[in-house]
Each structure stands twice: as C-alpha cells, then as structure tokens.
Amino acid sequence: MRRQRRPARIRRARRGRPLAQSRAARSRRLPVSERPTGPRLTPHCTKLGQTRAVIDFKSWLTPPPPASTAPPPDARERTTIKVEIAIVLLVTFGLSGMSSILSLVEDALQTAALSDQTVALNSSRSSFSLIDLLFQLLSILRLSAWGALGLYLLWRADLAPRAIGLARPRLKIDLGHGVGLAALIGLPGLALYLVGNALGFNLNVVPSALDDHWWRVPALILYALANSGAEEIIVVAYLISRLRRLGLSENASLLCSSLLRGSYHFYQGVGGGVGNFLMGLVFGRYWQRTGRLWPLLIAHALIDIVAFVGYALLREHLSWLP
C-alpha cells in the first residue's frame, strides 16, 4: 500500500517552530508608535552572509516630527500660541537675551578689552549673611517658577510631563546619558572659553562671587538645579513643542531654541554666546530624537555644579583663576 504524504504545511511546522507559534510571534511585533526612539539601524547583508548595523545619521540631521493625533490649529489657536510664546519669553529668557546683548555692546564700547573685564555669575547681594541668603533663595525661587510656568502651560496644552520626557526616570540610562552629555559639552566649552579669552572675545567669567558663608555651597547647588530646570524646560521642551504646534519643522524649531540659549549668554562675551548656541543644538536635537528630558537636566546641572562649586572651592588655591 502506497504511503500517503503529509501536507507541506504540516512538514514545515514539525521541522521547526509550529506554524501557530510563528504566527503568534509575528503578531507580537510592537506597533510603530510603541517602538523605542533613537537612531534607526539599517541591516546590510555582506558577502559572508553576516548582518551589520549602520546608524542612519540622516534621521539625526533631518528628523521627522513626532506623530500627533491632534487636528491642525485654527487661526485663533495659532494667534493664542504666538501671544503665549511672546509673553513667556518676555517674562523669562527672551528679556534676559536682550539685556545680555545690550550688556555685551556696552562692554565692547569700554576702553578696556573684553578679556580685561570681569563678570560674576553668582554674587553677594548684602553684607548681612542672613539677608544675603534670603536674596539668593529668592533668585532660586524665581528660576524654579520659570520652569513651573513652562510645565503648567504645556499641561494646559495637553502635554503632560510624561509627554515631554519627564516620565519616571530610568536611573542608569538617564544618568549615563546625562554624564556623557555633560562631558561632551563641558570639556569643549572650557576650551572654547579659554581660546576666546586669549583672543579677546570673552570676558573673565567668575562662576561664584558669593562670600564664604556656611550656606554658600548648598546655595550654589540649588542655583545649578534651578537653572537647569528653568532652561531645559522653557528653552527646549516648551519652546520646541509650541513651535511644532505652529507647524515649524524640527530644524527650524531647533534653530530658534539654540539662538535663544545663545542670546542670554552673550554677557559672557562672543565665545559664551556661540558656545551656548552650539550646546543648544546638541541638547535640542537629543531631546527631539529621544524624547527624554531627564538627561538634559542632569547634564546641565552637573556642568553648573562643577563650575560653581569647583570655582568656589579652588579659587583660593589656583592663582590663574580670575
């Protein structure tokens, strides 16, 4: 009696994984909206049959805007967003930028070269220790309020903290990326400052001119944290998100954010403005591609803590510091 052959589908299922299992595995693929963000890896098969991953740098140079289910804004909403942005910038870093540029013009008109002039970032406000401490705390509170204002306005626009990258921190990843970004920005930034100072484009920057009180180091750390929160929330998360809503491309939004960041650092000199503009390009693009804000907050805080506290502790021991 002739043996009857089994159907091909059954033979294939027995040789490897069952057919139902393979279909179930295919059905478990994540949808596009839930796939992790970051540089896309493109497989290329070599002659040896191996697969290698190549980072698609084009997605970093011209990233697509994030997917959105919200309808396009009408004329009234567009006007509201423009007025809101103008008010926020006039209250926060936009006004600081105009004041900073005016300060640079005034310094350039002085008879002394820029490199012979000095500017202090954190200075004492009173000869009385307690009153000086209260003044410093008020400045820290103002910076914190700027960051809170950005979060509140984004929340009113249906962008909760989670939507702008302030979900539950992933400690190892966020801390690692934050330290890496701090090194990427801090070391070249220091070199740019020294070169600019040698060429006469920068003022001598004194990161801390606070008197030696018991509260000096804690106050400087609080300054660094508040400064980081205010800048990264307003200049990156808030401004880029609202410009996206107006229909600006990712590159145009990034340019606006970076120009704003550079503008309010021109009081340090041309090098300070240019260096912070470049920092804005790196930080803004990182946020656009990853959607994570925690690493930017960590990196900015680390840079400021090293500058503020390091200077305060080493000023008496290093004669070359201004």
C-alpha atoms as a PDB file:
ATOM      1  CA  MET A   1       0.000   0.000   0.000  1.00  0.00           C
ATOM      2  CA  ARG A   2       1.403   3.408  -1.040  1.00  0.00           C
ATOM      3  CA  ARG A   3       2.272   5.688   1.867  1.00  0.00           C
ATOM      4  CA  GLN A   4       0.318   8.953   1.834  1.00  0.00           C
ATOM      5  CA  ARG A   5       2.476  12.110   2.021  1.00  0.00           C
ATOM      6  CA  ARG A   6       1.696  14.691   4.655  1.00  0.00           C
ATOM      7  CA  PRO A   7       0.834  18.213   3.536  1.00  0.00           C
ATOM      8  CA  ALA A   8       3.795  20.576   3.204  1.00  0.00           C
ATOM      9  CA  ARG A   9       2.445  22.932   5.863  1.00  0.00           C
ATOM     10  CA  ILE A  10       2.499  20.157   8.493  1.00  0.00           C
ATOM     11  CA  ARG A  11       6.026  19.080   7.489  1.00  0.00           C
ATOM     12  CA  ARG A  12       7.316  22.635   7.830  1.00  0.00           C
ATOM     13  CA  ALA A  13       5.692  23.029  11.226  1.00  0.00           C
ATOM     14  CA  ARG A  14       7.279  19.795  12.532  1.00  0.00           C
ATOM     15  CA  ARG A  15      10.773  20.608  11.254  1.00  0.00           C
ATOM     16  CA  GLY A  16      10.881  23.902  13.104  1.00  0.00           C
ATOM     17  CA  ARG A  17       8.596  26.002  15.196  1.00  0.00           C
ATOM     18  CA  PRO A  18       4.867  25.190  14.992  1.00  0.00           C
ATOM     19  CA  LEU A  19       3.044  27.301  12.459  1.00  0.00           C
ATOM     20  CA  ALA A  20       0.657  28.747  15.046  1.00  0.00           C
ATOM     21  CA  GLN A  21       3.605  29.748  17.238  1.00  0.00           C
ATOM     22  CA  SER A  22       5.380  31.500  14.372  1.00  0.00           C
ATOM     23  CA  ARG A  23       2.228  33.444  13.503  1.00  0.00           C
ATOM     24  CA  ALA A  24       1.789  34.429  17.152  1.00  0.00           C
ATOM     25  CA  ALA A  25       5.387  35.656  17.276  1.00  0.00           C
ATOM     26  CA  ARG A  26       4.816  37.780  14.186  1.00  0.00           C
ATOM     27  CA  SER A  27       1.637  39.220  15.685  1.00  0.00           C
ATOM     28  CA  ARG A  28       3.527  40.309  18.819  1.00  0.00           C
ATOM     29  CA  ARG A  29       5.627  42.845  16.936  1.00  0.00           C
ATOM     30  CA  LEU A  30       5.331  46.276  18.507  1.00  0.00           C
ATOM     31  CA  PRO A  31       3.391  48.913  16.603  1.00  0.00           C
ATOM     32  CA  VAL A  32       5.411  51.841  15.273  1.00  0.00           C
ATOM     33  CA  SER A  33       4.139  54.201  17.970  1.00  0.00           C
ATOM     34  CA  GLU A  34       5.466  51.900  20.745  1.00  0.00           C
ATOM     35  CA  ARG A  35       8.873  51.146  19.280  1.00  0.00           C
ATOM     36  CA  PRO A  36      11.800  52.745  21.125  1.00  0.00           C
ATOM     37  CA  THR A  37      13.063  56.010  19.718  1.00  0.00           C
ATOM     38  CA  GLY A  38      16.645  56.636  18.702  1.00  0.00           C
ATOM     39  CA  PRO A  39      18.818  56.226  15.642  1.00  0.00           C
ATOM     40  CA  ARG A  40      17.347  53.720  13.195  1.00  0.00           C
ATOM     41  CA  LEU A  41      19.533  50.696  12.491  1.00  0.00           C
ATOM     42  CA  THR A  42      19.584  49.582   8.883  1.00  0.00           C
ATOM     43  CA  PRO A  43      20.676  45.989   8.115  1.00  0.00           C
ATOM     44  CA  HIS A  44      23.110  45.395   5.263  1.00  0.00           C
ATOM     45  CA  CYS A  45      23.997  41.845   4.258  1.00  0.00           C
ATOM     46  CA  THR A  46      27.670  41.261   3.494  1.00  0.00           C
ATOM     47  CA  LYS A  47      29.066  38.650   1.082  1.00  0.00           C
ATOM     48  CA  LEU A  48      29.683  36.341   4.022  1.00  0.00           C
ATOM     49  CA  GLY A  49      26.006  36.445   4.911  1.00  0.00           C
ATOM     50  CA  GLN A  50      26.573  38.424   8.093  1.00  0.00           C
ATOM     51  CA  THR A  51      24.420  41.416   9.066  1.00  0.00           C
ATOM     52  CA  ARG A  52      25.873  44.673  10.262  1.00  0.00           C
ATOM     53  CA  ALA A  53      24.002  47.693  11.702  1.00  0.00           C
ATOM     54  CA  VAL A  54      24.705  51.153  10.328  1.00  0.00           C
ATOM     55  CA  ILE A  55      23.394  54.227  12.137  1.00  0.00           C
ATOM     56  CA  ASP A  56      21.142  56.291   9.955  1.00  0.00           C
ATOM     57  CA  PHE A  57      22.620  59.726  10.574  1.00  0.00           C
ATOM     58  CA  LYS A  58      20.085  61.299   8.245  1.00  0.00           C
ATOM     59  CA  SER A  59      17.427  60.843  10.917  1.00  0.00           C
ATOM     60  CA  TRP A  60      19.572  62.986  13.240  1.00  0.00           C
ATOM     61  CA  LEU A  61      20.183  65.690  10.645  1.00  0.00           C
ATOM     62  CA  THR A  62      16.583  65.937   9.425  1.00  0.00           C
ATOM     63  CA  PRO A  63      14.356  64.154  11.958  1.00  0.00           C
ATOM     64  CA  PRO A  64      10.662  63.729  11.214  1.00  0.00           C
ATOM     65  CA  PRO A  65       8.188  65.430  13.553  1.00  0.00           C
ATOM     66  CA  PRO A  66       6.600  63.193  16.187  1.00  0.00           C
ATOM     67  CA  ALA A  67       3.278  61.617  15.335  1.00  0.00           C
ATOM     68  CA  SER A  68       0.283  63.591  16.564  1.00  0.00           C
ATOM     69  CA  THR A  69      -3.440  62.876  16.536  1.00  0.00           C
ATOM     70  CA  ALA A  70      -4.375  66.491  17.297  1.00  0.00           C
ATOM     71  CA  PRO A  71      -6.046  68.400  14.457  1.00  0.00           C
ATOM     72  CA  PRO A  72      -4.122  71.332  12.937  1.00  0.00           C
ATOM     73  CA  PRO A  73      -4.591  74.581  14.878  1.00  0.00           C
ATOM     74  CA  ASP A  74      -7.091  77.075  13.550  1.00  0.00           C
ATOM     75  CA  ALA A  75      -6.324  80.783  13.163  1.00  0.00           C
ATOM     76  CA  ARG A  76      -7.431  81.622  16.693  1.00  0.00           C
ATOM     77  CA  GLU A  77      -5.302  78.912  18.292  1.00  0.00           C
ATOM     78  CA  ARG A  78      -2.263  79.955  16.242  1.00  0.00           C
ATOM     79  CA  THR A  79      -2.650  83.537  17.438  1.00  0.00           C
ATOM     80  CA  THR A  80      -3.038  82.341  21.024  1.00  0.00           C
ATOM     81  CA  ILE A  81       0.152  80.273  20.811  1.00  0.00           C
ATOM     82  CA  LYS A  82       2.143  83.167  19.329  1.00  0.00           C
ATOM     83  CA  VAL A  83       0.976  85.556  22.047  1.00  0.00           C
ATOM     84  CA  GLU A  84       1.719  82.940  24.721  1.00  0.00           C
ATOM     85  CA  ILE A  85       5.261  82.375  23.436  1.00  0.00           C
ATOM     86  CA  ALA A  86       5.923  86.119  23.308  1.00  0.00           C
ATOM     87  CA  ILE A  87       4.727  86.635  26.888  1.00  0.00           C
ATOM     88  CA  VAL A  88       6.693  83.663  28.236  1.00  0.00           C
ATOM     89  CA  LEU A  89       9.914  84.800  26.564  1.00  0.00           C
ATOM     90  CA  LEU A  90       9.478  88.401  27.705  1.00  0.00           C
ATOM     91  CA  VAL A  91       8.996  87.187  31.269  1.00  0.00           C
ATOM     92  CA  THR A  92      11.890  84.696  31.154  1.00  0.00           C
ATOM     93  CA  PHE A  93      14.850  84.181  28.846  1.00  0.00           C
ATOM     94  CA  GLY A  94      13.840  86.418  25.952  1.00  0.00           C
ATOM     95  CA  LEU A  95      14.197  89.526  28.094  1.00  0.00           C
ATOM     96  CA  SER A  96      17.417  88.088  29.533  1.00  0.00           C
ATOM     97  CA  GLY A  97      18.709  87.676  25.982  1.00  0.00           C
ATOM     98  CA  MET A  98      18.041  91.301  25.049  1.00  0.00           C
ATOM     99  CA  SER A  99      19.650  92.500  28.280  1.00  0.00           C
ATOM    100  CA  SER A 100      22.656  90.230  27.691  1.00  0.00           C
ATOM    101  CA  ILE A 101      23.249  91.513  24.150  1.00  0.00           C
ATOM    102  CA  LEU A 102      22.964  95.113  25.361  1.00  0.00           C
ATOM    103  CA  SER A 103      25.469  94.337  28.107  1.00  0.00           C
ATOM    104  CA  LEU A 104      27.935  92.956  25.545  1.00  0.00           C
ATOM    105  CA  VAL A 105      27.595  96.107  23.421  1.00  0.00           C
ATOM    106  CA  GLU A 106      28.267  98.256  26.487  1.00  0.00           C
ATOM    107  CA  ASP A 107      31.344  96.197  27.401  1.00  0.00           C
ATOM    108  CA  ALA A 108      32.654  96.402  23.832  1.00  0.00           C
ATOM    109  CA  LEU A 109      32.425 100.215  23.952  1.00  0.00           C
ATOM    110  CA  GLN A 110      34.626 100.376  27.039  1.00  0.00           C
ATOM    111  CA  THR A 111      38.252 101.406  26.618  1.00  0.00           C
ATOM    112  CA  ALA A 112      39.421  98.132  28.204  1.00  0.00           C
ATOM    113  CA  ALA A 113      39.418  94.970  26.091  1.00  0.00           C
ATOM    114  CA  LEU A 114      36.787  92.340  26.807  1.00  0.00           C
ATOM    115  CA  SER A 115      39.441  89.968  28.143  1.00  0.00           C
ATOM    116  CA  ASP A 116      40.424  92.610  30.725  1.00  0.00           C
ATOM    117  CA  GLN A 117      36.887  92.892  32.085  1.00  0.00           C
ATOM    118  CA  THR A 118      35.222  90.564  34.587  1.00  0.00           C
ATOM    119  CA  VAL A 119      31.641  89.380  35.026  1.00  0.00           C
ATOM    120  CA  ALA A 120      30.339  87.409  38.026  1.00  0.00           C
ATOM    121  CA  LEU A 121      27.533  84.855  37.711  1.00  0.00           C
ATOM    122  CA  ASN A 122      26.566  84.468  41.372  1.00  0.00           C
ATOM    123  CA  SER A 123      27.448  87.392  43.614  1.00  0.00           C
ATOM    124  CA  SER A 124      26.561  88.516  47.114  1.00  0.00           C
ATOM    125  CA  ARG A 125      23.589  90.873  47.455  1.00  0.00           C
ATOM    126  CA  SER A 126      24.047  92.034  51.036  1.00  0.00           C
ATOM    127  CA  SER A 127      26.738  92.366  53.665  1.00  0.00           C
ATOM    128  CA  PHE A 128      24.410  90.660  56.157  1.00  0.00           C
ATOM    129  CA  SER A 129      24.681  86.888  55.873  1.00  0.00           C
ATOM    130  CA  LEU A 130      21.019  86.083  56.547  1.00  0.00           C
ATOM    131  CA  ILE A 131      19.688  88.777  54.198  1.00  0.00           C
ATOM    132  CA  ASP A 132      22.130  87.677  51.510  1.00  0.00           C
ATOM    133  CA  LEU A 133      20.897  84.086  51.897  1.00  0.00           C
ATOM    134  CA  LEU A 134      17.284  85.220  51.508  1.00  0.00           C
ATOM    135  CA  PHE A 135      18.172  87.167  48.363  1.00  0.00           C
ATOM    136  CA  GLN A 136      19.831  84.063  46.897  1.00  0.00           C
ATOM    137  CA  LEU A 137      16.816  81.906  47.757  1.00  0.00           C
ATOM    138  CA  LEU A 138      14.509  84.413  46.051  1.00  0.00           C
ATOM    139  CA  SER A 139      16.600  84.192  42.869  1.00  0.00           C
ATOM    140  CA  ILE A 140      16.479  80.394  43.044  1.00  0.00           C
ATOM    141  CA  LEU A 141      12.711  80.542  43.570  1.00  0.00           C
ATOM    142  CA  ARG A 142      12.310  82.769  40.506  1.00  0.00           C
ATOM    143  CA  LEU A 143      14.182  80.292  38.296  1.00  0.00           C
ATOM    144  CA  SER A 144      12.094  77.436  39.690  1.00  0.00           C
ATOM    145  CA  ALA A 145       8.921  79.393  38.943  1.00  0.00           C
ATOM    146  CA  TRP A 146      10.013  79.830  35.311  1.00  0.00           C
ATOM    147  CA  GLY A 147      10.344  76.074  34.944  1.00  0.00           C
ATOM    148  CA  ALA A 148       6.994  75.523  36.652  1.00  0.00           C
ATOM    149  CA  LEU A 149       5.382  78.046  34.292  1.00  0.00           C
ATOM    150  CA  GLY A 150       6.607  76.075  31.280  1.00  0.00           C
ATOM    151  CA  LEU A 151       5.290  72.801  32.704  1.00  0.00           C
ATOM    152  CA  TYR A 152       1.923  74.363  33.523  1.00  0.00           C
ATOM    153  CA  LEU A 153       1.425  75.870  30.056  1.00  0.00           C
ATOM    154  CA  LEU A 154       2.386  72.584  28.390  1.00  0.00           C
ATOM    155  CA  TRP A 155      -0.041  70.741  30.665  1.00  0.00           C
ATOM    156  CA  ARG A 156      -2.774  73.188  29.662  1.00  0.00           C
ATOM    157  CA  ALA A 157      -1.934  72.318  26.045  1.00  0.00           C
ATOM    158  CA  ASP A 158      -2.483  68.584  26.760  1.00  0.00           C
ATOM    159  CA  LEU A 159       1.251  67.898  27.031  1.00  0.00           C
ATOM    160  CA  ALA A 160       1.724  66.293  30.426  1.00  0.00           C
ATOM    161  CA  PRO A 161       5.237  65.977  31.902  1.00  0.00           C
ATOM    162  CA  ARG A 162       5.411  62.410  30.593  1.00  0.00           C
ATOM    163  CA  ALA A 163       4.822  63.661  27.037  1.00  0.00           C
ATOM    164  CA  ILE A 164       7.864  65.969  27.151  1.00  0.00           C
ATOM    165  CA  GLY A 165      10.264  63.386  28.560  1.00  0.00           C
ATOM    166  CA  LEU A 166       9.675  63.672  32.296  1.00  0.00           C
ATOM    167  CA  ALA A 167       8.278  60.190  32.776  1.00  0.00           C
ATOM    168  CA  ARG A 168       9.627  58.007  35.559  1.00  0.00           C
ATOM    169  CA  PRO A 169      13.438  58.294  35.384  1.00  0.00           C
ATOM    170  CA  ARG A 170      15.412  55.337  34.067  1.00  0.00           C
ATOM    171  CA  LEU A 171      18.249  55.825  36.512  1.00  0.00           C
ATOM    172  CA  LYS A 172      21.117  54.045  34.753  1.00  0.00           C
ATOM    173  CA  ILE A 173      20.292  55.201  31.226  1.00  0.00           C
ATOM    174  CA  ASP A 174      19.355  58.784  32.100  1.00  0.00           C
ATOM    175  CA  LEU A 175      22.306  59.232  34.434  1.00  0.00           C
ATOM    176  CA  GLY A 176      24.718  57.699  31.922  1.00  0.00           C
ATOM    177  CA  HIS A 177      23.463  59.877  29.083  1.00  0.00           C
ATOM    178  CA  GLY A 178      23.500  62.920  31.349  1.00  0.00           C
ATOM    179  CA  VAL A 179      27.126  62.387  32.351  1.00  0.00           C
ATOM    180  CA  GLY A 180      28.060  61.782  28.711  1.00  0.00           C
ATOM    181  CA  LEU A 181      26.342  64.972  27.559  1.00  0.00           C
ATOM    182  CA  ALA A 182      27.993  66.934  30.372  1.00  0.00           C
ATOM    183  CA  ALA A 183      31.419  65.733  29.241  1.00  0.00           C
ATOM    184  CA  LEU A 184      30.587  66.342  25.573  1.00  0.00           C
ATOM    185  CA  ILE A 185      29.590  69.944  26.277  1.00  0.00           C
ATOM    186  CA  GLY A 186      31.693  70.841  29.308  1.00  0.00           C
ATOM    187  CA  LEU A 187      35.185  69.964  28.084  1.00  0.00           C
ATOM    188  CA  PRO A 188      34.965  71.612  24.624  1.00  0.00           C
ATOM    189  CA  GLY A 189      33.100  74.516  26.248  1.00  0.00           C
ATOM    190  CA  LEU A 190      36.000  75.132  28.615  1.00  0.00           C
ATOM    191  CA  ALA A 191      38.443  75.011  25.703  1.00  0.00           C
ATOM    192  CA  LEU A 192      36.297  77.462  23.711  1.00  0.00           C
ATOM    193  CA  TYR A 193      36.186  79.824  26.690  1.00  0.00           C
ATOM    194  CA  LEU A 194      39.972  79.769  27.096  1.00  0.00           C
ATOM    195  CA  VAL A 195      40.568  80.322  23.369  1.00  0.00           C
ATOM    196  CA  GLY A 196      38.011  83.140  23.254  1.00  0.00           C
ATOM    197  CA  ASN A 197      39.564  84.763  26.294  1.00  0.00           C
ATOM    198  CA  ALA A 198      43.040  84.549  24.757  1.00  0.00           C
ATOM    199  CA  LEU A 199      41.764  86.140  21.530  1.00  0.00           C
ATOM    200  CA  GLY A 200      39.954  88.895  23.405  1.00  0.00           C
ATOM    201  CA  PHE A 201      36.407  87.751  22.575  1.00  0.00           C
ATOM    202  CA  ASN A 202      35.386  86.769  26.113  1.00  0.00           C
ATOM    203  CA  LEU A 203      35.198  88.440  29.477  1.00  0.00           C
ATOM    204  CA  ASN A 204      36.765  86.853  32.532  1.00  0.00           C
ATOM    205  CA  VAL A 205      33.870  84.833  33.955  1.00  0.00           C
ATOM    206  CA  VAL A 206      33.707  84.367  37.725  1.00  0.00           C
ATOM    207  CA  PRO A 207      31.237  81.494  38.339  1.00  0.00           C
ATOM    208  CA  SER A 208      30.809  82.360  42.019  1.00  0.00           C
ATOM    209  CA  ALA A 209      31.482  85.603  43.885  1.00  0.00           C
ATOM    210  CA  LEU A 210      29.499  84.683  46.984  1.00  0.00           C
ATOM    211  CA  ASP A 211      31.091  85.435  50.325  1.00  0.00           C
ATOM    212  CA  ASP A 212      32.380  82.471  52.308  1.00  0.00           C
ATOM    213  CA  HIS A 213      29.254  81.693  54.344  1.00  0.00           C
ATOM    214  CA  TRP A 214      28.218  78.283  55.663  1.00  0.00           C
ATOM    215  CA  TRP A 215      25.377  78.167  53.128  1.00  0.00           C
ATOM    216  CA  ARG A 216      27.485  79.043  50.070  1.00  0.00           C
ATOM    217  CA  VAL A 217      27.918  75.517  48.621  1.00  0.00           C
ATOM    218  CA  PRO A 218      24.285  74.405  49.193  1.00  0.00           C
ATOM    219  CA  ALA A 219      23.065  77.649  47.606  1.00  0.00           C
ATOM    220  CA  LEU A 220      25.292  77.135  44.557  1.00  0.00           C
ATOM    221  CA  ILE A 221      23.990  73.580  44.129  1.00  0.00           C
ATOM    222  CA  LEU A 222      20.402  74.848  44.349  1.00  0.00           C
ATOM    223  CA  TYR A 223      21.263  77.523  41.783  1.00  0.00           C
ATOM    224  CA  ALA A 224      22.580  74.847  39.425  1.00  0.00           C
ATOM    225  CA  LEU A 225      19.466  72.685  39.806  1.00  0.00           C
ATOM    226  CA  ALA A 226      17.051  75.610  39.372  1.00  0.00           C
ATOM    227  CA  ASN A 227      18.998  76.962  36.407  1.00  0.00           C
ATOM    228  CA  SER A 228      18.986  73.557  34.734  1.00  0.00           C
ATOM    229  CA  GLY A 229      15.254  73.109  35.236  1.00  0.00           C
ATOM    230  CA  ALA A 230      14.324  76.573  34.004  1.00  0.00           C
ATOM    231  CA  GLU A 231      16.493  76.469  30.876  1.00  0.00           C
ATOM    232  CA  GLU A 232      15.767  72.938  29.701  1.00  0.00           C
ATOM    233  CA  ILE A 233      12.025  73.147  30.355  1.00  0.00           C
ATOM    234  CA  ILE A 234      11.492  76.601  28.818  1.00  0.00           C
ATOM    235  CA  VAL A 235      14.134  76.706  26.079  1.00  0.00           C
ATOM    236  CA  VAL A 236      13.914  73.080  24.937  1.00  0.00           C
ATOM    237  CA  ALA A 237      10.671  71.357  25.934  1.00  0.00           C
ATOM    238  CA  TYR A 238       8.300  74.323  25.979  1.00  0.00           C
ATOM    239  CA  LEU A 239       9.591  76.379  23.049  1.00  0.00           C
ATOM    240  CA  ILE A 240      10.169  73.496  20.629  1.00  0.00           C
ATOM    241  CA  SER A 241       6.812  71.907  21.498  1.00  0.00           C
ATOM    242  CA  ARG A 242       4.894  75.126  20.878  1.00  0.00           C
ATOM    243  CA  LEU A 243       6.779  75.869  17.659  1.00  0.00           C
ATOM    244  CA  ARG A 244       5.944  72.356  16.468  1.00  0.00           C
ATOM    245  CA  ARG A 245       2.295  73.129  17.069  1.00  0.00           C
ATOM    246  CA  LEU A 246       2.647  76.181  14.846  1.00  0.00           C
ATOM    247  CA  GLY A 247       3.928  73.934  12.064  1.00  0.00           C
ATOM    248  CA  LEU A 248       7.646  74.723  12.174  1.00  0.00           C
ATOM    249  CA  SER A 249       9.986  71.936  11.130  1.00  0.00           C
ATOM    250  CA  GLU A 250      12.253  70.201  13.623  1.00  0.00           C
ATOM    251  CA  ASN A 251      15.316  72.030  12.299  1.00  0.00           C
ATOM    252  CA  ALA A 252      13.615  75.436  12.390  1.00  0.00           C
ATOM    253  CA  SER A 253      12.400  74.837  15.957  1.00  0.00           C
ATOM    254  CA  LEU A 254      15.872  73.690  16.983  1.00  0.00           C
ATOM    255  CA  LEU A 255      17.458  76.805  15.474  1.00  0.00           C
ATOM    256  CA  CYS A 256      15.072  79.117  17.358  1.00  0.00           C
ATOM    257  CA  SER A 257      15.749  77.299  20.628  1.00  0.00           C
ATOM    258  CA  SER A 258      19.529  77.415  20.154  1.00  0.00           C
ATOM    259  CA  LEU A 259      19.543  81.105  19.202  1.00  0.00           C
ATOM    260  CA  LEU A 260      17.577  81.891  22.354  1.00  0.00           C
ATOM    261  CA  ARG A 261      20.021  79.906  24.512  1.00  0.00           C
ATOM    262  CA  GLY A 262      22.984  81.659  22.956  1.00  0.00           C
ATOM    263  CA  SER A 263      21.438  85.134  23.249  1.00  0.00           C
ATOM    264  CA  TYR A 264      21.177  85.250  27.035  1.00  0.00           C
ATOM    265  CA  HIS A 265      24.798  84.148  27.446  1.00  0.00           C
ATOM    266  CA  PHE A 266      26.339  86.982  25.405  1.00  0.00           C
ATOM    267  CA  TYR A 267      27.040  88.894  28.624  1.00  0.00           C
ATOM    268  CA  GLN A 268      29.994  86.483  28.946  1.00  0.00           C
ATOM    269  CA  GLY A 269      31.349  87.580  25.569  1.00  0.00           C
ATOM    270  CA  VAL A 270      31.106  86.363  21.990  1.00  0.00           C
ATOM    271  CA  GLY A 271      32.547  82.971  22.910  1.00  0.00           C
ATOM    272  CA  GLY A 272      29.937  82.474  25.625  1.00  0.00           C
ATOM    273  CA  GLY A 273      27.096  83.153  23.207  1.00  0.00           C
ATOM    274  CA  VAL A 274      28.495  80.941  20.445  1.00  0.00           C
ATOM    275  CA  GLY A 275      29.356  78.121  22.838  1.00  0.00           C
ATOM    276  CA  ASN A 276      25.870  78.038  24.326  1.00  0.00           C
ATOM    277  CA  PHE A 277      24.325  78.206  20.856  1.00  0.00           C
ATOM    278  CA  LEU A 278      26.232  75.018  19.983  1.00  0.00           C
ATOM    279  CA  MET A 279      25.156  73.491  23.289  1.00  0.00           C
ATOM    280  CA  GLY A 280      21.573  74.281  22.345  1.00  0.00           C
ATOM    281  CA  LEU A 281      21.950  72.445  19.046  1.00  0.00           C
ATOM    282  CA  VAL A 282      23.202  69.305  20.803  1.00  0.00           C
ATOM    283  CA  PHE A 283      20.694  69.368  23.662  1.00  0.00           C
ATOM    284  CA  GLY A 284      17.724  70.250  21.480  1.00  0.00           C
ATOM    285  CA  ARG A 285      18.442  67.576  18.895  1.00  0.00           C
ATOM    286  CA  TYR A 286      18.953  64.960  21.606  1.00  0.00           C
ATOM    287  CA  TRP A 287      15.527  65.785  23.021  1.00  0.00           C
ATOM    288  CA  GLN A 288      13.904  65.751  19.573  1.00  0.00           C
ATOM    289  CA  ARG A 289      15.312  62.308  18.777  1.00  0.00           C
ATOM    290  CA  THR A 290      14.911  60.602  22.155  1.00  0.00           C
ATOM    291  CA  GLY A 291      12.011  62.439  23.783  1.00  0.00           C
ATOM    292  CA  ARG A 292      13.882  62.282  27.131  1.00  0.00           C
ATOM    293  CA  LEU A 293      14.393  65.440  29.192  1.00  0.00           C
ATOM    294  CA  TRP A 294      15.976  63.911  32.291  1.00  0.00           C
ATOM    295  CA  PRO A 295      19.447  63.511  30.709  1.00  0.00           C
ATOM    296  CA  LEU A 296      19.452  67.203  29.741  1.00  0.00           C
ATOM    297  CA  LEU A 297      18.508  68.238  33.276  1.00  0.00           C
ATOM    298  CA  ILE A 298      21.242  66.015  34.708  1.00  0.00           C
ATOM    299  CA  ALA A 299      23.892  67.198  32.240  1.00  0.00           C
ATOM    300  CA  HIS A 300      23.134  70.898  32.712  1.00  0.00           C
ATOM    301  CA  ALA A 301      23.073  70.566  36.497  1.00  0.00           C
ATOM    302  CA  LEU A 302      26.414  68.724  36.501  1.00  0.00           C
ATOM    303  CA  ILE A 303      28.057  71.370  34.300  1.00  0.00           C
ATOM    304  CA  ASP A 304      26.859  74.185  36.563  1.00  0.00           C
ATOM    305  CA  ILE A 305      27.699  72.386  39.819  1.00  0.00           C
ATOM    306  CA  VAL A 306      31.257  71.707  38.643  1.00  0.00           C
ATOM    307  CA  ALA A 307      31.646  75.334  37.531  1.00  0.00           C
ATOM    308  CA  PHE A 308      30.015  76.994  40.560  1.00  0.00           C
ATOM    309  CA  VAL A 309      31.174  74.782  43.407  1.00  0.00           C
ATOM    310  CA  GLY A 310      34.515  73.884  41.838  1.00  0.00           C
ATOM    311  CA  TYR A 311      35.410  77.541  41.403  1.00  0.00           C
ATOM    312  CA  ALA A 312      34.304  78.452  44.922  1.00  0.00           C
ATOM    313  CA  LEU A 313      36.443  75.697  46.451  1.00  0.00           C
ATOM    314  CA  LEU A 314      39.522  76.106  44.234  1.00  0.00           C
ATOM    315  CA  ARG A 315      39.684  79.888  43.860  1.00  0.00           C
ATOM    316  CA  GLU A 316      41.998  80.315  46.852  1.00  0.00           C
ATOM    317  CA  HIS A 317      44.319  77.524  45.674  1.00  0.00           C
ATOM    318  CA  LEU A 318      44.707  78.274  41.947  1.00  0.00           C
ATOM    319  CA  SER A 319      46.231  81.656  41.193  1.00  0.00           C
ATOM    320  CA  TRP A 320      45.339  81.589  37.480  1.00  0.00           C
ATOM    321  CA  LEU A 321      41.582  81.609  38.186  1.00  0.00           C
ATOM    322  CA  PRO A 322      40.004  85.086  37.760  1.00  0.00           C
END
